[in-house]
C-alpha atoms as a PDB file:
ATOM      1  CA  MET A   1      14.525  80.821   3.662  1.00  0.00           C
ATOM      2  CA  HIS A   2      11.602  81.415   1.382  1.00  0.00           C
ATOM      3  CA  ASP A   3       8.165  79.903   1.418  1.00  0.00           C
ATOM      4  CA  PHE A   4       7.137  78.845  -2.025  1.00  0.00           C
ATOM      5  CA  THR A   5       3.674  77.583  -2.820  1.00  0.00           C
ATOM      6  CA  ALA A   6       3.578  75.086  -5.657  1.00  0.00           C
ATOM      7  CA  VAL A   7       0.669  73.272  -7.200  1.00  0.00           C
ATOM      8  CA  THR A   8       1.573  69.613  -7.478  1.00  0.00           C
ATOM      9  CA  ARG A   9       0.150  67.556 -10.298  1.00  0.00           C
ATOM     10  CA  ALA A  10       0.967  64.459 -12.264  1.00  0.00           C
ATOM     11  CA  PHE A  11       2.251  64.792 -15.810  1.00  0.00           C
ATOM     12  CA  VAL A  12      -1.066  63.581 -17.164  1.00  0.00           C
ATOM     13  CA  PRO A  13      -3.751  66.236 -16.633  1.00  0.00           C
ATOM     14  CA  MET A  14      -5.479  65.494 -13.352  1.00  0.00           C
ATOM     15  CA  PRO A  15      -8.580  67.102 -11.943  1.00  0.00           C
ATOM     16  CA  ASP A  16      -7.219  66.814  -8.404  1.00  0.00           C
ATOM     17  CA  SER A  17      -4.140  68.951  -7.848  1.00  0.00           C
ATOM     18  CA  HIS A  18      -3.010  70.093  -4.440  1.00  0.00           C
ATOM     19  CA  VAL A  19      -1.338  73.201  -3.109  1.00  0.00           C
ATOM     20  CA  LYS A  20       1.634  72.557  -0.855  1.00  0.00           C
ATOM     21  CA  THR A  21       3.923  75.147   0.690  1.00  0.00           C
ATOM     22  CA  ILE A  22       7.597  74.287   1.045  1.00  0.00           C
ATOM     23  CA  ARG A  23      10.438  76.224   2.650  1.00  0.00           C
ATOM     24  CA  VAL A  24      13.639  76.455   0.604  1.00  0.00           C
ATOM     25  CA  SER A  25      16.861  78.419   0.947  1.00  0.00           C
ATOM     26  CA  GLN A  26      17.461  81.444  -1.253  1.00  0.00           C
ATOM     27  CA  ASP A  27      20.330  79.604  -2.920  1.00  0.00           C
ATOM     28  CA  LEU A  28      18.187  76.571  -3.796  1.00  0.00           C
ATOM     29  CA  LEU A  29      15.345  78.771  -5.036  1.00  0.00           C
ATOM     30  CA  GLU A  30      17.711  80.701  -7.301  1.00  0.00           C
ATOM     31  CA  ARG A  31      19.306  77.528  -8.692  1.00  0.00           C
ATOM     32  CA  VAL A  32      15.932  75.903  -9.392  1.00  0.00           C
ATOM     33  CA  ASN A  33      14.531  79.072 -10.972  1.00  0.00           C
ATOM     34  CA  THR A  34      17.662  79.477 -13.114  1.00  0.00           C
ATOM     35  CA  THR A  35      17.621  75.870 -14.299  1.00  0.00           C
ATOM     36  CA  ALA A  36      13.869  75.823 -14.878  1.00  0.00           C
ATOM     37  CA  GLY A  37      14.094  79.120 -16.759  1.00  0.00           C
ATOM     38  CA  ARG A  38      16.885  77.800 -19.003  1.00  0.00           C
ATOM     39  CA  LEU A  39      14.738  74.767 -19.817  1.00  0.00           C
ATOM     40  CA  GLY A  40      11.698  76.938 -20.498  1.00  0.00           C
ATOM     41  CA  ILE A  41       9.619  75.346 -17.752  1.00  0.00           C
ATOM     42  CA  SER A  42       8.057  76.556 -14.513  1.00  0.00           C
ATOM     43  CA  PHE A  43       9.307  76.047 -10.973  1.00  0.00           C
ATOM     44  CA  ASN A  44       6.324  73.771 -10.434  1.00  0.00           C
ATOM     45  CA  GLU A  45       7.116  71.575 -13.438  1.00  0.00           C
ATOM     46  CA  PHE A  46      10.746  71.306 -12.342  1.00  0.00           C
ATOM     47  CA  ALA A  47       9.882  70.543  -8.706  1.00  0.00           C
ATOM     48  CA  THR A  48       7.235  67.965  -9.633  1.00  0.00           C
ATOM     49  CA  HIS A  49       9.695  66.261 -11.980  1.00  0.00           C
ATOM     50  CA  ALA A  50      12.404  66.216  -9.293  1.00  0.00           C
ATOM     51  CA  LEU A  51       9.987  64.716  -6.753  1.00  0.00           C
ATOM     52  CA  GLU A  52       8.909  62.004  -9.209  1.00  0.00           C
ATOM     53  CA  VAL A  53      12.534  61.125  -9.967  1.00  0.00           C
ATOM     54  CA  ALA A  54      13.392  61.083  -6.239  1.00  0.00           C
ATOM     55  CA  LEU A  55      10.565  58.582  -5.751  1.00  0.00           C
ATOM     56  CA  GLY A  56      12.019  56.337  -8.452  1.00  0.00           C
ATOM     57  CA  ASN A  57       9.509  57.292 -11.147  1.00  0.00           C
ATOM     58  CA  LYS A  58      10.311  58.530 -14.658  1.00  0.00           C
ATOM     59  CA  GLY A  59       9.043  62.042 -14.170  1.00  0.00           C
ATOM     60  CA  ASP A  60       8.353  64.284 -17.154  1.00  0.00           C
ATOM     61  CA  GLU A  61      10.329  62.779 -20.039  1.00  0.00           C
ATOM     62  CA  ASN A  62      10.218  66.124 -21.851  1.00  0.00           C
ATOM     63  CA  ILE A  63      12.381  67.666 -19.149  1.00  0.00           C
ATOM     64  CA  GLY A  64      15.139  65.131 -19.857  1.00  0.00           C
ATOM     65  CA  LEU A  65      14.896  65.912 -23.562  1.00  0.00           C
ATOM     66  CA  LEU A  66      15.045  69.654 -22.862  1.00  0.00           C
ATOM     67  CA  ALA A  67      18.034  69.192 -20.536  1.00  0.00           C
ATOM     68  CA  ASP A  68      19.930  67.220 -23.196  1.00  0.00           C
ATOM     69  CA  LEU A  69      19.144  69.813 -25.866  1.00  0.00           C
ATOM     70  CA  THR A  70      20.064  72.668 -23.519  1.00  0.00           C
ATOM     71  CA  GLN A  71      23.449  71.097 -22.903  1.00  0.00           C
ATOM     72  CA  TRP A  72      23.983  70.710 -26.655  1.00  0.00           C
ATOM     73  CA  VAL A  73      22.984  74.322 -27.378  1.00  0.00           C
ATOM     74  CA  GLU A  74      25.270  75.643 -24.632  1.00  0.00           C
ATOM     75  CA  GLY A  75      28.168  73.548 -25.937  1.00  0.00           C
ATOM     76  CA  ASN A  76      27.747  74.462 -29.590  1.00  0.00           C
ATOM     77  CA  PHE A  77      26.663  78.091 -29.752  1.00  0.00           C
ATOM     78  CA  ASP A  78      27.960  81.377 -28.371  1.00  0.00           C
ATOM     79  CA  ARG A  79      25.372  83.758 -26.907  1.00  0.00           C
ATOM     80  CA  THR A  80      26.997  86.675 -28.714  1.00  0.00           C
ATOM     81  CA  ALA A  81      27.105  85.135 -32.198  1.00  0.00           C
ATOM     82  CA  PHE A  82      24.903  82.359 -33.560  1.00  0.00           C
ATOM     83  CA  PRO A  83      23.075  81.791 -36.840  1.00  0.00           C
ATOM     84  CA  PRO A  84      19.534  83.166 -37.169  1.00  0.00           C
ATOM     85  CA  ASP A  85      18.256  79.644 -37.877  1.00  0.00           C
ATOM     86  CA  VAL A  86      19.743  78.208 -34.672  1.00  0.00           C
ATOM     87  CA  THR A  87      16.351  76.736 -33.718  1.00  0.00           C
ATOM     88  CA  LEU A  88      16.278  74.803 -36.990  1.00  0.00           C
ATOM     89  CA  LEU A  89      19.787  73.519 -36.268  1.00  0.00           C
ATOM     90  CA  VAL A  90      18.596  72.293 -32.859  1.00  0.00           C
ATOM     91  CA  PHE A  91      15.733  70.412 -34.501  1.00  0.00           C
ATOM     92  CA  HIS A  92      18.151  68.930 -37.057  1.00  0.00           C
ATOM     93  CA  HIS A  93      20.373  67.740 -34.203  1.00  0.00           C
ATOM     94  CA  LEU A  94      17.300  66.249 -32.534  1.00  0.00           C
ATOM     95  CA  ARG A  95      16.320  64.569 -35.807  1.00  0.00           C
ATOM     96  CA  ASP A  96      19.802  63.133 -36.412  1.00  0.00           C
ATOM     97  CA  ASP A  97      20.791  61.989 -32.911  1.00  0.00           C
ATOM     98  CA  ARG A  98      19.300  58.525 -32.283  1.00  0.00           C
ATOM     99  CA  LYS A  99      19.068  58.856 -28.492  1.00  0.00           C
ATOM    100  CA  LEU A 100      17.409  62.282 -28.638  1.00  0.00           C
ATOM    101  CA  ARG A 101      15.120  61.189 -31.452  1.00  0.00           C
ATOM    102  CA  ARG A 102      13.871  58.244 -29.355  1.00  0.00           C
ATOM    103  CA  LYS A 103      13.081  60.622 -26.473  1.00  0.00           C
ATOM    104  CA  TYR A 104      11.368  63.022 -28.849  1.00  0.00           C
ATOM    105  CA  ASP A 105       9.312  60.297 -30.515  1.00  0.00           C
ATOM    106  CA  ALA A 106       8.248  58.933 -27.118  1.00  0.00           C
ATOM    107  CA  SER A 107       7.130  62.393 -26.045  1.00  0.00           C
ATOM    108  CA  ILE A 108       4.952  63.077 -29.090  1.00  0.00           C
ATOM    109  CA  HIS A 109       3.324  59.675 -29.655  1.00  0.00           C
ATOM    110  CA  ASP A 110       0.610  57.944 -27.666  1.00  0.00           C
ATOM    111  CA  PRO A 111       1.044  54.282 -26.595  1.00  0.00           C
ATOM    112  CA  SER A 112      -0.467  53.064 -29.876  1.00  0.00           C
ATOM    113  CA  GLY A 113       2.149  55.006 -31.876  1.00  0.00           C
ATOM    114  CA  ARG A 114      -0.152  57.749 -33.159  1.00  0.00           C
ATOM    115  CA  THR A 115       1.063  61.329 -33.051  1.00  0.00           C
ATOM    116  CA  ASN A 116      -0.369  63.288 -30.143  1.00  0.00           C
ATOM    117  CA  TRP A 117      -0.636  66.708 -31.793  1.00  0.00           C
ATOM    118  CA  ASP A 118      -1.090  68.576 -28.498  1.00  0.00           C
ATOM    119  CA  ALA A 119       2.100  66.971 -27.164  1.00  0.00           C
ATOM    120  CA  LEU A 120       3.971  67.744 -30.390  1.00  0.00           C
ATOM    121  CA  ILE A 121       2.965  71.413 -30.277  1.00  0.00           C
ATOM    122  CA  SER A 122       3.905  71.622 -26.590  1.00  0.00           C
ATOM    123  CA  VAL A 123       7.318  70.007 -27.110  1.00  0.00           C
ATOM    124  CA  HIS A 124       8.086  72.238 -30.094  1.00  0.00           C
ATOM    125  CA  ARG A 125       7.139  75.366 -28.159  1.00  0.00           C
ATOM    126  CA  ARG A 126       9.227  74.283 -25.168  1.00  0.00           C
ATOM    127  CA  ILE A 127      12.251  73.654 -27.389  1.00  0.00           C
ATOM    128  CA  GLY A 128      11.873  77.025 -29.107  1.00  0.00           C
ATOM    129  CA  ARG A 129      11.510  78.795 -25.752  1.00  0.00           C
ATOM    130  CA  MET A 130      14.561  76.957 -24.388  1.00  0.00           C
ATOM    131  CA  VAL A 131      16.750  77.957 -27.354  1.00  0.00           C
ATOM    132  CA  LYS A 132      15.712  81.580 -27.009  1.00  0.00           C
ATOM    133  CA  ARG A 133      16.387  81.623 -23.261  1.00  0.00           C
ATOM    134  CA  VAL A 134      19.675  79.723 -23.320  1.00  0.00           C
ATOM    135  CA  LEU A 135      21.075  82.065 -25.945  1.00  0.00           C
ATOM    136  CA  ALA A 136      19.448  85.170 -24.450  1.00  0.00           C
ATOM    137  CA  ALA A 137      18.143  85.789 -27.955  1.00  0.00           C
ATOM    138  CA  GLU A 138      15.478  87.989 -29.403  1.00  0.00           C
ATOM    139  CA  VAL A 139      13.149  87.198 -32.265  1.00  0.00           C
ATOM    140  CA  PHE A 140      13.442  89.331 -35.379  1.00  0.00           C
ATOM    141  CA  GLY A 141      11.352  87.319 -37.822  1.00  0.00           C
ATOM    142  CA  ARG A 142       9.991  83.935 -38.936  1.00  0.00           C
ATOM    143  CA  SER A 143      11.422  81.410 -41.327  1.00  0.00           C
ATOM    144  CA  LEU A 144       9.766  80.485 -44.569  1.00  0.00           C
ATOM    145  CA  ALA A 145       7.548  77.405 -44.438  1.00  0.00           C
ATOM    146  CA  LEU A 146       9.449  74.151 -43.942  1.00  0.00           C
ATOM    147  CA  ASP A 147       8.592  70.537 -44.648  1.00  0.00           C
ATOM    148  CA  PRO A 148       8.050  68.933 -41.225  1.00  0.00           C
ATOM    149  CA  LYS A 149       8.875  65.483 -42.640  1.00  0.00           C
ATOM    150  CA  GLU A 150      12.384  66.734 -43.343  1.00  0.00           C
ATOM    151  CA  HIS A 151      12.865  69.303 -40.579  1.00  0.00           C
ATOM    152  CA  LEU A 152      10.392  68.157 -37.826  1.00  0.00           C
ATOM    153  CA  ILE A 153       8.970  71.694 -37.739  1.00  0.00           C
ATOM    154  CA  LYS A 154       6.873  73.815 -40.107  1.00  0.00           C
ATOM    155  CA  SER A 155       8.640  77.092 -39.289  1.00  0.00           C
ATOM    156  CA  HIS A 156      10.717  78.703 -36.575  1.00  0.00           C
ATOM    157  CA  ALA A 157      11.621  82.051 -35.136  1.00  0.00           C
ATOM    158  CA  LEU A 158      14.670  83.785 -36.543  1.00  0.00           C
ATOM    159  CA  LEU A 159      16.871  84.740 -33.613  1.00  0.00           C
ATOM    160  CA  ARG A 160      19.690  87.167 -32.954  1.00  0.00           C
ATOM    161  CA  PRO A 161      21.695  88.009 -29.854  1.00  0.00           C
ATOM    162  CA  SER A 162      19.702  90.206 -27.530  1.00  0.00           C
ATOM    163  CA  SER A 163      20.559  93.879 -27.640  1.00  0.00           C
ATOM    164  CA  VAL A 164      20.101  93.928 -23.862  1.00  0.00           C
ATOM    165  CA  LYS A 165      22.863  92.217 -21.928  1.00  0.00           C
ATOM    166  CA  SER A 166      21.492  89.544 -19.596  1.00  0.00           C
ATOM    167  CA  GLU A 167      23.235  87.563 -16.890  1.00  0.00           C
END
């Protein structure tokens, strides 16, 4: 068993967060760390989301979006050979899939329908980090500027399979 100290917080920034120590098995810790790492999130974000869901709340909607996109990336690309613009292809899939697009739109807009630019930047970074981690990729450049109205993003990292084998 391992003691793990996590800072719990709601998904809306809160001034009052609390430190709580929990005891988990090595197996559970490894599975949570692996899953959280694939999604590009921290243990704390994953654990807080899981606790919210267990209590019947929505949790962090971005985590559901990341999980869906992770599954799509894993099912459609090989870690040893994928196009350099794979991140752009993920955003095109997100743009074109109605269910994913609804989740995405909900995550980047405030209740009045205005774009929350901080949320948009955060979601885009999380998606980029997830793609890189799932494919064990390395960055070798940046794309040319893109039209975000067409592609959702202004640019993206160009990726290639990592020269270092990872498990």
